Amino acid sequence: MDISEINTLVAEDHAFQRRSVVRMLQDLGVKSVAEAGDGRAALTLLQSPGCHLDVVICDLDMPEMDGMEFIRRMGENASAVSVILVSAHDDALIAAAESMSRAYGVQVLGSIEKPITPARLAELIGRHLQLPQRATAAAPCAPVHHDRHEIECGLGDDEFEAFFQPTIALADGRVIGAEALARWRHPRDGVLPPGAFLPQIENGDLIEPLTWLMLRKSARACRGWHAAGHALTVAVNLSQTMLADKKLADKITAVVREESLDPRHVVLEITESAAMSDLGVGLENLTRLRMKGFGLSIDDYGTGFSSMQQLSRIPFTELKIDRSFVSGADRQEKLRVMIETSLVLAAKLGMKFVAEGVETRVEWNTLKSLGCYAAQGYFMARPMDAVAFNAWLKTWTPPA
C-alpha cells in the first residue's frame, strides 16, 4: 500500500488543530482525509455503510464522547483500523492510554504529545505501511466449530502439521532457529490456525498426542535442515499438563533420538504459568531435560507471575520476552527500561534473550540498538509449512 492510498480520519474537537493535521496529512501525500469533531461523530462515520478507514488520528480529550470511549467502542466492534493517539497530557498518561487501547484489541501505531509535528506524523503513518497486509474489508467469516471426534480423527489421519517461524540473530541477520507452531490442514476448511482447535484440545486430553506429533515432526524437520547445511535449532511448546508425568523427560529424549537428532538442537518452550504447576515433578522433569542437553525457554516472559522465582528455580537457557513489551518500546521509556533490565538479567544468568512479535522495522532497529540477541515476528517472516520454510531459507536477506 502506498501512502496516497491510505484512508484517514482526524478526530479532534479544536477546529484549527484539526485543520492543521488535515493539511499535514495532505502534504505527506494522503489523499483521503475525513474529519470529526468528537468521538461520537467519529464512531458514526466509522460505522457508516461503505466506509473504509485505515488510520484514525484521535485526540484523547473531546466533548460528548472522548477518545478513550471512542477507542473502547472500536475494540467492541473489532475494528481493524490503526490508531494514532494525540494528547497534551504527560508521557505516563499517554502510555497508559496506549496500553488501554491494546487491551481493547486496537492496533496502536503510537502517540503524539501536542503540538503535532509533520515529522512525527509521517513516522507513525509509516508504521502503518510496515504492518503485515490485512484482509480486505469483507465481513469476517463465521467461526467453524470442530468437535472432539473430528479433532481426534484429524490427529489420527495426520492432518496436523508443524509450521515454522524463523528466529533471527539481530547482530548479523543470521537464521539461528525456528519455532514450531501447530496448524490443522483440514480436508474441508483448509489450513486452520491454533484458535480454531487449541481450546478444544486443551480442555480435553488431546494435548499430549498433539505435542508428541509436533515434537516428532519438528525434530524430523530440524534434521533435514542440518542435512542441507543449516545448523538451526527448533523450538517446541511443552504443555503444562505434561509436566506432571514423571517419565516425561525420558519420553521426550526417546522421540528426539528416534528422529536421529541430538537434544541440544531442541528448545522446549514453557510459559511462566506452566512452570509453576506441579512444582516437584515439574522441576525434576525440566532439570533432567537440561541434563540431557535440551534448551529450556521461558516463554512470554513478564506476562505471568513470579518471573524471578521461576528463573531461580529452573535452569532456563533462554528468556523470550512477550510482544506486549516489544510494541512501543521505541517511544515508551517504561517498556524500553523493562527490556534493558531483562537483557541485563538474561546476560548475568547466561541466558539468550529473544524478542517475539516483531512486526515493523522500527521494532527491529530498537531491539538491535538495545543489544537484543534474537527476534521473531511478521517483519521477518510469518509461520510457514516445512516446504515453504526450506525455500525461504534459500532466499532470506537480512534487513539493511
Foldseek 3Di string as FASTA:
>chain_A
DDLCPAAEEEAAQDVVLSVVVVVLSVVVNHDHYHYHNALVRVLCQVPDPPDDHAEYEAEQDGPPHGPLNSLLVCLVVVPQHEYEYEYQDDQVVQVVSVVSSVVSVHHYLYYDHPPDDSVVVVVSSVQSVLFPDDDDPDDDDDADADAPVRVVVQLVVVQKAWWWFFKAFLVAGDTAATETAIWGQDPPPGIHHCVRPVVNCVVDPNPVSVQLSSLLRQLLLCVVCVVVPHNHAYEGEDDLVLLQDLCVLVVSCVSNVVSVHQQLRYEYEYEPVSCPPPPPSNLVSQVVNVVSNHAYEHEQPPPDPPSVVSVVRGLHQAYEHECVLLPCLLPRVVSVVVVLVVVVVCVVSNHAYEYEADRGVSSSVSCVVSPHGIYTHPSQHDTGGSVVVVVCSVVGDGDD
